């Protein structure tokens, strides 16, 4: 918006052309969705789309609207069958099957100050960890993945400690009893963001056991997000890493 106004002031474009370019601000009403183009001004990042529950046609149209305004695109929770139907509408977009994300970078986002390390307790937690890692990268952060380092074999975690200690923020993703964030937070001095996953047997109650364990963690410096919310963890980690 500022760039457009400066062009009007400099006489490079007419007021009529400026109005044409600003059509759809602060949001574009598609009837089924109101695409928030002002989000980038308020939050520093464009609107990120939650794909679950949306039809392929809706995801395609919302994504096209975001891209047409020159913003970067990130859509989370896109199942393979949905991606198969929408990919022809989004040339150049990248699908991460593990994370179930669709992304397309049109301009470099502001860089974070340090590295965000994403840890997964087990291989089964990787889908949520990948959602976090892809989101962190899309928001301009250098990201390092360290997977399958849960408390069932602490030597695996300690074997990666030199890499972990380089982090400015750590995202820990764990199901079952959800113990990994407590262990990590007891070893580092940076913020630890805990993500409970729905991985586990019956008494894990689809992630509730891990969530409650993380909320009751003894070490300081742990923040907890909702079950399977890799996106939310990464967004918070990115906000910290940009301070």
C-alpha atoms as a PDB file:
ATOM      1  CA  UNK A   1       0.000   0.000   0.000  1.00  0.00           C
ATOM      2  CA  UNK A   2       2.813   2.380   0.907  1.00  0.00           C
ATOM      3  CA  UNK A   3       4.575   1.593  -2.377  1.00  0.00           C
ATOM      4  CA  UNK A   4       1.415   2.342  -4.360  1.00  0.00           C
ATOM      5  CA  UNK A   5       0.869   5.648  -2.539  1.00  0.00           C
ATOM      6  CA  UNK A   6       4.483   6.658  -3.153  1.00  0.00           C
ATOM      7  CA  UNK A   7       4.030   5.973  -6.867  1.00  0.00           C
ATOM      8  CA  UNK A   8       0.951   8.205  -6.918  1.00  0.00           C
ATOM      9  CA  UNK A   9       2.866  10.928  -5.082  1.00  0.00           C
ATOM     10  CA  UNK A  10       5.719  10.654  -7.584  1.00  0.00           C
ATOM     11  CA  UNK A  11       3.311  10.770 -10.511  1.00  0.00           C
ATOM     12  CA  UNK A  12       4.272   7.302 -11.720  1.00  0.00           C
ATOM     13  CA  UNK A  13       0.684   6.034 -11.606  1.00  0.00           C
ATOM     14  CA  UNK A  14      -2.689   7.746 -11.590  1.00  0.00           C
ATOM     15  CA  UNK A  15      -5.091   7.791  -8.615  1.00  0.00           C
ATOM     16  CA  UNK A  16      -7.475   5.676 -10.703  1.00  0.00           C
ATOM     17  CA  UNK A  17      -4.774   3.037 -11.212  1.00  0.00           C
ATOM     18  CA  UNK A  18      -4.003   3.129  -7.484  1.00  0.00           C
ATOM     19  CA  UNK A  19      -7.647   2.442  -6.680  1.00  0.00           C
ATOM     20  CA  UNK A  20      -7.572  -0.492  -9.088  1.00  0.00           C
ATOM     21  CA  UNK A  21      -4.445  -1.902  -7.419  1.00  0.00           C
ATOM     22  CA  UNK A  22      -5.916  -1.424  -3.944  1.00  0.00           C
ATOM     23  CA  UNK A  23      -9.139  -3.228  -4.797  1.00  0.00           C
ATOM     24  CA  UNK A  24      -9.676  -5.974  -2.262  1.00  0.00           C
ATOM     25  CA  UNK A  25      -7.988  -4.147   0.630  1.00  0.00           C
ATOM     26  CA  UNK A  26      -8.180  -4.583   3.550  1.00  0.00           C
ATOM     27  CA  UNK A  27      -9.857  -7.862   2.607  1.00  0.00           C
ATOM     28  CA  UNK A  28     -11.372  -9.495  -0.459  1.00  0.00           C
ATOM     29  CA  UNK A  29     -14.865 -10.911  -0.058  1.00  0.00           C
ATOM     30  CA  UNK A  30     -15.181 -14.209  -1.941  1.00  0.00           C
ATOM     31  CA  UNK A  31     -18.540 -14.885  -0.238  1.00  0.00           C
ATOM     32  CA  UNK A  32     -17.341 -18.196   1.223  1.00  0.00           C
ATOM     33  CA  UNK A  33     -14.178 -16.535   2.573  1.00  0.00           C
ATOM     34  CA  UNK A  34     -12.912 -13.048   3.328  1.00  0.00           C
ATOM     35  CA  UNK A  35      -9.232 -13.109   2.394  1.00  0.00           C
ATOM     36  CA  UNK A  36      -7.411 -10.815   4.802  1.00  0.00           C
ATOM     37  CA  UNK A  37      -4.832  -8.830   2.831  1.00  0.00           C
ATOM     38  CA  UNK A  38      -4.350  -6.467   5.783  1.00  0.00           C
ATOM     39  CA  UNK A  39      -2.979  -9.350   7.893  1.00  0.00           C
ATOM     40  CA  UNK A  40       0.504  -8.783   6.494  1.00  0.00           C
ATOM     41  CA  UNK A  41       0.425  -5.146   7.636  1.00  0.00           C
ATOM     42  CA  UNK A  42      -0.816  -6.042  11.119  1.00  0.00           C
ATOM     43  CA  UNK A  43       1.157  -9.231  11.766  1.00  0.00           C
ATOM     44  CA  UNK A  44       4.122  -8.995   9.412  1.00  0.00           C
ATOM     45  CA  UNK A  45       3.104 -12.181   7.584  1.00  0.00           C
ATOM     46  CA  UNK A  46       0.271 -12.845   5.120  1.00  0.00           C
ATOM     47  CA  UNK A  47      -2.811 -14.835   6.015  1.00  0.00           C
ATOM     48  CA  UNK A  48      -2.052 -18.543   6.377  1.00  0.00           C
ATOM     49  CA  UNK A  49      -4.822 -20.873   5.267  1.00  0.00           C
ATOM     50  CA  UNK A  50      -6.125 -23.813   7.320  1.00  0.00           C
ATOM     51  CA  UNK A  51      -7.071 -26.285   4.615  1.00  0.00           C
ATOM     52  CA  UNK A  52      -8.967 -28.896   6.623  1.00  0.00           C
ATOM     53  CA  UNK A  53     -12.704 -28.658   6.002  1.00  0.00           C
ATOM     54  CA  UNK A  54     -12.343 -26.539   2.873  1.00  0.00           C
ATOM     55  CA  UNK A  55     -13.131 -27.888  -0.585  1.00  0.00           C
ATOM     56  CA  UNK A  56     -10.431 -28.064  -3.263  1.00  0.00           C
ATOM     57  CA  UNK A  57     -12.222 -25.267  -5.119  1.00  0.00           C
ATOM     58  CA  UNK A  58     -12.230 -23.047  -2.032  1.00  0.00           C
ATOM     59  CA  UNK A  59      -8.550 -23.714  -1.302  1.00  0.00           C
ATOM     60  CA  UNK A  60      -7.659 -22.992  -4.911  1.00  0.00           C
ATOM     61  CA  UNK A  61      -9.569 -19.715  -5.076  1.00  0.00           C
ATOM     62  CA  UNK A  62      -8.310 -18.435  -1.704  1.00  0.00           C
ATOM     63  CA  UNK A  63      -4.740 -19.341  -2.651  1.00  0.00           C
ATOM     64  CA  UNK A  64      -5.007 -17.599  -6.006  1.00  0.00           C
ATOM     65  CA  UNK A  65      -6.303 -14.445  -4.326  1.00  0.00           C
ATOM     66  CA  UNK A  66      -3.355 -14.400  -1.915  1.00  0.00           C
ATOM     67  CA  UNK A  67      -0.847 -14.956  -4.713  1.00  0.00           C
ATOM     68  CA  UNK A  68      -2.413 -12.354  -7.000  1.00  0.00           C
ATOM     69  CA  UNK A  69      -1.722  -9.706  -4.366  1.00  0.00           C
ATOM     70  CA  UNK A  70       1.957 -10.693  -4.348  1.00  0.00           C
ATOM     71  CA  UNK A  71       1.987 -12.421  -0.961  1.00  0.00           C
ATOM     72  CA  UNK A  72       3.614 -15.710  -0.076  1.00  0.00           C
ATOM     73  CA  UNK A  73       1.337 -18.718   0.291  1.00  0.00           C
ATOM     74  CA  UNK A  74       1.108 -21.330   3.024  1.00  0.00           C
ATOM     75  CA  UNK A  75      -1.814 -23.724   3.352  1.00  0.00           C
ATOM     76  CA  UNK A  76      -1.817 -26.294   6.168  1.00  0.00           C
ATOM     77  CA  UNK A  77      -3.686 -29.584   6.555  1.00  0.00           C
ATOM     78  CA  UNK A  78      -4.058 -30.380   2.860  1.00  0.00           C
ATOM     79  CA  UNK A  79      -4.657 -34.075   2.257  1.00  0.00           C
ATOM     80  CA  UNK A  80      -3.024 -35.731  -0.794  1.00  0.00           C
ATOM     81  CA  UNK A  81      -6.375 -36.199  -2.537  1.00  0.00           C
ATOM     82  CA  UNK A  82      -7.128 -32.488  -2.151  1.00  0.00           C
ATOM     83  CA  UNK A  83      -3.675 -31.494  -3.418  1.00  0.00           C
ATOM     84  CA  UNK A  84      -4.187 -33.699  -6.499  1.00  0.00           C
ATOM     85  CA  UNK A  85      -7.263 -31.654  -7.389  1.00  0.00           C
ATOM     86  CA  UNK A  86      -5.841 -28.207  -6.619  1.00  0.00           C
ATOM     87  CA  UNK A  87      -2.222 -28.357  -7.843  1.00  0.00           C
ATOM     88  CA  UNK A  88      -3.065 -27.431 -11.441  1.00  0.00           C
ATOM     89  CA  UNK A  89      -4.419 -24.102 -10.166  1.00  0.00           C
ATOM     90  CA  UNK A  90      -1.218 -23.292  -8.264  1.00  0.00           C
ATOM     91  CA  UNK A  91       1.765 -23.638 -10.621  1.00  0.00           C
ATOM     92  CA  UNK A  92       5.058 -23.496  -8.767  1.00  0.00           C
ATOM     93  CA  UNK A  93       3.550 -24.431  -5.412  1.00  0.00           C
ATOM     94  CA  UNK A  94       5.330 -27.088  -3.320  1.00  0.00           C
ATOM     95  CA  UNK A  95       3.492 -29.882  -1.531  1.00  0.00           C
ATOM     96  CA  UNK A  96       5.077 -31.464   1.554  1.00  0.00           C
ATOM     97  CA  UNK A  97       3.332 -34.807   1.947  1.00  0.00           C
ATOM     98  CA  UNK A  98       4.572 -35.410   5.491  1.00  0.00           C
ATOM     99  CA  UNK A  99       3.493 -31.979   6.730  1.00  0.00           C
ATOM    100  CA  UNK A 100       0.425 -31.835   4.460  1.00  0.00           C
ATOM    101  CA  UNK A 101       1.311 -28.253   3.516  1.00  0.00           C
ATOM    102  CA  UNK A 102       1.214 -26.273   0.290  1.00  0.00           C
ATOM    103  CA  UNK A 103       3.623 -23.374  -0.022  1.00  0.00           C
ATOM    104  CA  UNK A 104       4.830 -20.899  -2.608  1.00  0.00           C
ATOM    105  CA  UNK A 105       7.367 -18.151  -1.880  1.00  0.00           C
ATOM    106  CA  UNK A 106       7.109 -15.059  -4.074  1.00  0.00           C
ATOM    107  CA  UNK A 107       9.370 -12.841  -1.965  1.00  0.00           C
ATOM    108  CA  UNK A 108      11.828 -13.425   0.848  1.00  0.00           C
ATOM    109  CA  UNK A 109      10.191 -12.938   4.277  1.00  0.00           C
ATOM    110  CA  UNK A 110      12.092 -11.014   6.979  1.00  0.00           C
ATOM    111  CA  UNK A 111      14.794 -13.284   8.372  1.00  0.00           C
ATOM    112  CA  UNK A 112      14.717 -14.522  11.949  1.00  0.00           C
ATOM    113  CA  UNK A 113      17.677 -13.767  14.200  1.00  0.00           C
ATOM    114  CA  UNK A 114      18.688 -17.353  14.968  1.00  0.00           C
ATOM    115  CA  UNK A 115      17.870 -21.003  14.383  1.00  0.00           C
ATOM    116  CA  UNK A 116      14.643 -22.752  15.339  1.00  0.00           C
ATOM    117  CA  UNK A 117      15.298 -26.401  16.177  1.00  0.00           C
ATOM    118  CA  UNK A 118      12.358 -28.777  15.779  1.00  0.00           C
ATOM    119  CA  UNK A 119      12.578 -32.003  17.781  1.00  0.00           C
ATOM    120  CA  UNK A 120      10.287 -34.990  17.485  1.00  0.00           C
ATOM    121  CA  UNK A 121      10.118 -37.645  20.188  1.00  0.00           C
ATOM    122  CA  UNK A 122       9.303 -40.417  17.724  1.00  0.00           C
ATOM    123  CA  UNK A 123       9.028 -41.087  14.026  1.00  0.00           C
ATOM    124  CA  UNK A 124       5.228 -41.155  14.415  1.00  0.00           C
ATOM    125  CA  UNK A 125       5.375 -37.511  15.529  1.00  0.00           C
ATOM    126  CA  UNK A 126       7.089 -36.363  12.325  1.00  0.00           C
ATOM    127  CA  UNK A 127       3.927 -35.151  10.512  1.00  0.00           C
ATOM    128  CA  UNK A 128       3.284 -32.574  13.242  1.00  0.00           C
ATOM    129  CA  UNK A 129       6.997 -31.744  13.495  1.00  0.00           C
ATOM    130  CA  UNK A 130       7.167 -31.232   9.731  1.00  0.00           C
ATOM    131  CA  UNK A 131       4.182 -28.879   9.854  1.00  0.00           C
ATOM    132  CA  UNK A 132       6.110 -26.862  12.413  1.00  0.00           C
ATOM    133  CA  UNK A 133       9.334 -26.916  10.404  1.00  0.00           C
ATOM    134  CA  UNK A 134       7.698 -25.934   7.110  1.00  0.00           C
ATOM    135  CA  UNK A 135       5.787 -23.123   8.816  1.00  0.00           C
ATOM    136  CA  UNK A 136       8.928 -21.797  10.508  1.00  0.00           C
ATOM    137  CA  UNK A 137      10.775 -21.782   7.183  1.00  0.00           C
ATOM    138  CA  UNK A 138       7.893 -20.060   5.405  1.00  0.00           C
ATOM    139  CA  UNK A 139       8.061 -17.311   8.045  1.00  0.00           C
ATOM    140  CA  UNK A 140      11.732 -16.638   7.312  1.00  0.00           C
ATOM    141  CA  UNK A 141      13.521 -18.748   9.899  1.00  0.00           C
ATOM    142  CA  UNK A 142      16.559 -20.959   9.591  1.00  0.00           C
ATOM    143  CA  UNK A 143      15.240 -24.311  10.784  1.00  0.00           C
ATOM    144  CA  UNK A 144      16.917 -27.538  11.830  1.00  0.00           C
ATOM    145  CA  UNK A 145      15.093 -30.842  12.155  1.00  0.00           C
ATOM    146  CA  UNK A 146      16.158 -33.469  14.704  1.00  0.00           C
ATOM    147  CA  UNK A 147      13.755 -36.405  14.748  1.00  0.00           C
ATOM    148  CA  UNK A 148      13.232 -39.540  16.849  1.00  0.00           C
ATOM    149  CA  UNK A 149      15.071 -38.404  19.982  1.00  0.00           C
ATOM    150  CA  UNK A 150      12.454 -39.189  22.633  1.00  0.00           C
ATOM    151  CA  UNK A 151      12.853 -40.302  26.231  1.00  0.00           C
ATOM    152  CA  UNK A 152      12.690 -44.004  25.358  1.00  0.00           C
ATOM    153  CA  UNK A 153      16.397 -43.606  24.517  1.00  0.00           C
ATOM    154  CA  UNK A 154      17.852 -40.462  26.090  1.00  0.00           C
ATOM    155  CA  UNK A 155      21.287 -41.196  24.611  1.00  0.00           C
ATOM    156  CA  UNK A 156      19.809 -40.291  21.220  1.00  0.00           C
ATOM    157  CA  UNK A 157      18.857 -36.836  22.506  1.00  0.00           C
ATOM    158  CA  UNK A 158      22.165 -36.250  24.242  1.00  0.00           C
ATOM    159  CA  UNK A 159      23.979 -37.330  21.096  1.00  0.00           C
ATOM    160  CA  UNK A 160      22.409 -34.348  19.317  1.00  0.00           C
ATOM    161  CA  UNK A 161      23.021 -31.844  22.102  1.00  0.00           C
ATOM    162  CA  UNK A 162      25.654 -29.817  20.232  1.00  0.00           C
ATOM    163  CA  UNK A 163      23.075 -29.132  17.518  1.00  0.00           C
ATOM    164  CA  UNK A 164      20.282 -28.446  20.001  1.00  0.00           C
ATOM    165  CA  UNK A 165      22.282 -25.917  22.009  1.00  0.00           C
ATOM    166  CA  UNK A 166      22.685 -23.718  18.895  1.00  0.00           C
ATOM    167  CA  UNK A 167      18.948 -22.975  18.865  1.00  0.00           C
ATOM    168  CA  UNK A 168      17.410 -19.626  19.712  1.00  0.00           C
ATOM    169  CA  UNK A 169      14.018 -21.325  20.117  1.00  0.00           C
ATOM    170  CA  UNK A 170      13.180 -25.035  20.358  1.00  0.00           C
ATOM    171  CA  UNK A 171       9.944 -26.732  19.304  1.00  0.00           C
ATOM    172  CA  UNK A 172       9.462 -30.164  20.893  1.00  0.00           C
ATOM    173  CA  UNK A 173       6.839 -32.503  19.465  1.00  0.00           C
ATOM    174  CA  UNK A 174       5.827 -35.566  21.472  1.00  0.00           C
ATOM    175  CA  UNK A 175       2.953 -37.968  21.984  1.00  0.00           C
ATOM    176  CA  UNK A 176       2.587 -40.859  24.425  1.00  0.00           C
ATOM    177  CA  UNK A 177       3.409 -39.452  27.921  1.00  0.00           C
ATOM    178  CA  UNK A 178       4.750 -36.161  26.503  1.00  0.00           C
ATOM    179  CA  UNK A 179       7.944 -36.082  28.561  1.00  0.00           C
ATOM    180  CA  UNK A 180      10.402 -34.713  25.979  1.00  0.00           C
ATOM    181  CA  UNK A 181       9.789 -30.953  26.559  1.00  0.00           C
ATOM    182  CA  UNK A 182      10.534 -31.290  30.292  1.00  0.00           C
ATOM    183  CA  UNK A 183      13.818 -33.056  29.601  1.00  0.00           C
ATOM    184  CA  UNK A 184      14.880 -30.521  26.968  1.00  0.00           C
ATOM    185  CA  UNK A 185      13.875 -27.498  29.051  1.00  0.00           C
ATOM    186  CA  UNK A 186      16.042 -28.808  31.879  1.00  0.00           C
ATOM    187  CA  UNK A 187      19.097 -28.718  29.600  1.00  0.00           C
ATOM    188  CA  UNK A 188      18.805 -25.405  27.729  1.00  0.00           C
ATOM    189  CA  UNK A 189      18.332 -21.701  28.487  1.00  0.00           C
ATOM    190  CA  UNK A 190      16.181 -20.793  25.469  1.00  0.00           C
ATOM    191  CA  UNK A 191      12.368 -20.947  25.175  1.00  0.00           C
ATOM    192  CA  UNK A 192      10.915 -24.409  24.590  1.00  0.00           C
ATOM    193  CA  UNK A 193       7.558 -24.696  22.852  1.00  0.00           C
ATOM    194  CA  UNK A 194       5.832 -28.008  23.533  1.00  0.00           C
ATOM    195  CA  UNK A 195       3.467 -29.651  21.064  1.00  0.00           C
ATOM    196  CA  UNK A 196       1.492 -32.671  22.282  1.00  0.00           C
ATOM    197  CA  UNK A 197       0.477 -35.082  19.539  1.00  0.00           C
ATOM    198  CA  UNK A 198      -2.396 -37.526  19.315  1.00  0.00           C
ATOM    199  CA  UNK A 199       0.085 -40.413  18.941  1.00  0.00           C
ATOM    200  CA  UNK A 200      -0.296 -43.118  21.592  1.00  0.00           C
ATOM    201  CA  UNK A 201      -2.337 -46.010  22.945  1.00  0.00           C
ATOM    202  CA  UNK A 202      -5.787 -45.845  24.517  1.00  0.00           C
ATOM    203  CA  UNK A 203      -4.996 -44.090  27.792  1.00  0.00           C
ATOM    204  CA  UNK A 204      -3.178 -41.318  25.929  1.00  0.00           C
ATOM    205  CA  UNK A 205      -6.720 -40.123  25.074  1.00  0.00           C
ATOM    206  CA  UNK A 206      -5.644 -38.852  21.634  1.00  0.00           C
ATOM    207  CA  UNK A 207      -3.027 -36.496  23.038  1.00  0.00           C
ATOM    208  CA  UNK A 208      -4.760 -35.344  26.192  1.00  0.00           C
ATOM    209  CA  UNK A 209      -2.296 -37.206  28.426  1.00  0.00           C
ATOM    210  CA  UNK A 210       0.658 -35.547  26.695  1.00  0.00           C
ATOM    211  CA  UNK A 211      -1.037 -32.136  26.852  1.00  0.00           C
ATOM    212  CA  UNK A 212      -1.652 -32.397  30.600  1.00  0.00           C
ATOM    213  CA  UNK A 213       1.901 -33.627  31.220  1.00  0.00           C
ATOM    214  CA  UNK A 214       3.339 -30.660  29.311  1.00  0.00           C
ATOM    215  CA  UNK A 215       1.098 -28.186  31.137  1.00  0.00           C
ATOM    216  CA  UNK A 216       2.363 -29.634  34.409  1.00  0.00           C
ATOM    217  CA  UNK A 217       6.045 -29.563  33.404  1.00  0.00           C
ATOM    218  CA  UNK A 218       8.453 -28.743  36.228  1.00  0.00           C
ATOM    219  CA  UNK A 219      11.185 -26.758  34.366  1.00  0.00           C
ATOM    220  CA  UNK A 220      10.567 -23.097  33.589  1.00  0.00           C
ATOM    221  CA  UNK A 221      10.600 -21.718  30.072  1.00  0.00           C
ATOM    222  CA  UNK A 222       8.041 -24.033  28.477  1.00  0.00           C
ATOM    223  CA  UNK A 223       5.045 -22.836  26.496  1.00  0.00           C
ATOM    224  CA  UNK A 224       2.408 -25.354  25.403  1.00  0.00           C
ATOM    225  CA  UNK A 225       0.164 -25.266  22.333  1.00  0.00           C
ATOM    226  CA  UNK A 226      -2.825 -27.374  21.385  1.00  0.00           C
ATOM    227  CA  UNK A 227      -2.712 -31.047  20.403  1.00  0.00           C
ATOM    228  CA  UNK A 228      -1.126 -31.603  16.949  1.00  0.00           C
ATOM    229  CA  UNK A 229      -0.742 -27.838  16.458  1.00  0.00           C
ATOM    230  CA  UNK A 230       2.639 -27.704  14.729  1.00  0.00           C
ATOM    231  CA  UNK A 231       1.609 -24.523  12.949  1.00  0.00           C
ATOM    232  CA  UNK A 232       0.820 -22.681  16.177  1.00  0.00           C
ATOM    233  CA  UNK A 233       4.105 -23.738  17.743  1.00  0.00           C
ATOM    234  CA  UNK A 234       6.085 -22.549  14.731  1.00  0.00           C
ATOM    235  CA  UNK A 235       4.261 -19.216  14.562  1.00  0.00           C
ATOM    236  CA  UNK A 236       5.062 -18.544  18.214  1.00  0.00           C
ATOM    237  CA  UNK A 237       8.671 -19.672  17.744  1.00  0.00           C
ATOM    238  CA  UNK A 238       9.012 -17.373  14.747  1.00  0.00           C
ATOM    239  CA  UNK A 239       7.606 -14.423  16.688  1.00  0.00           C
ATOM    240  CA  UNK A 240      10.216 -15.006  19.396  1.00  0.00           C
ATOM    241  CA  UNK A 241      12.990 -15.482  16.840  1.00  0.00           C
ATOM    242  CA  UNK A 242      12.146 -12.144  15.173  1.00  0.00           C
ATOM    243  CA  UNK A 243      12.328 -10.126  18.415  1.00  0.00           C
END
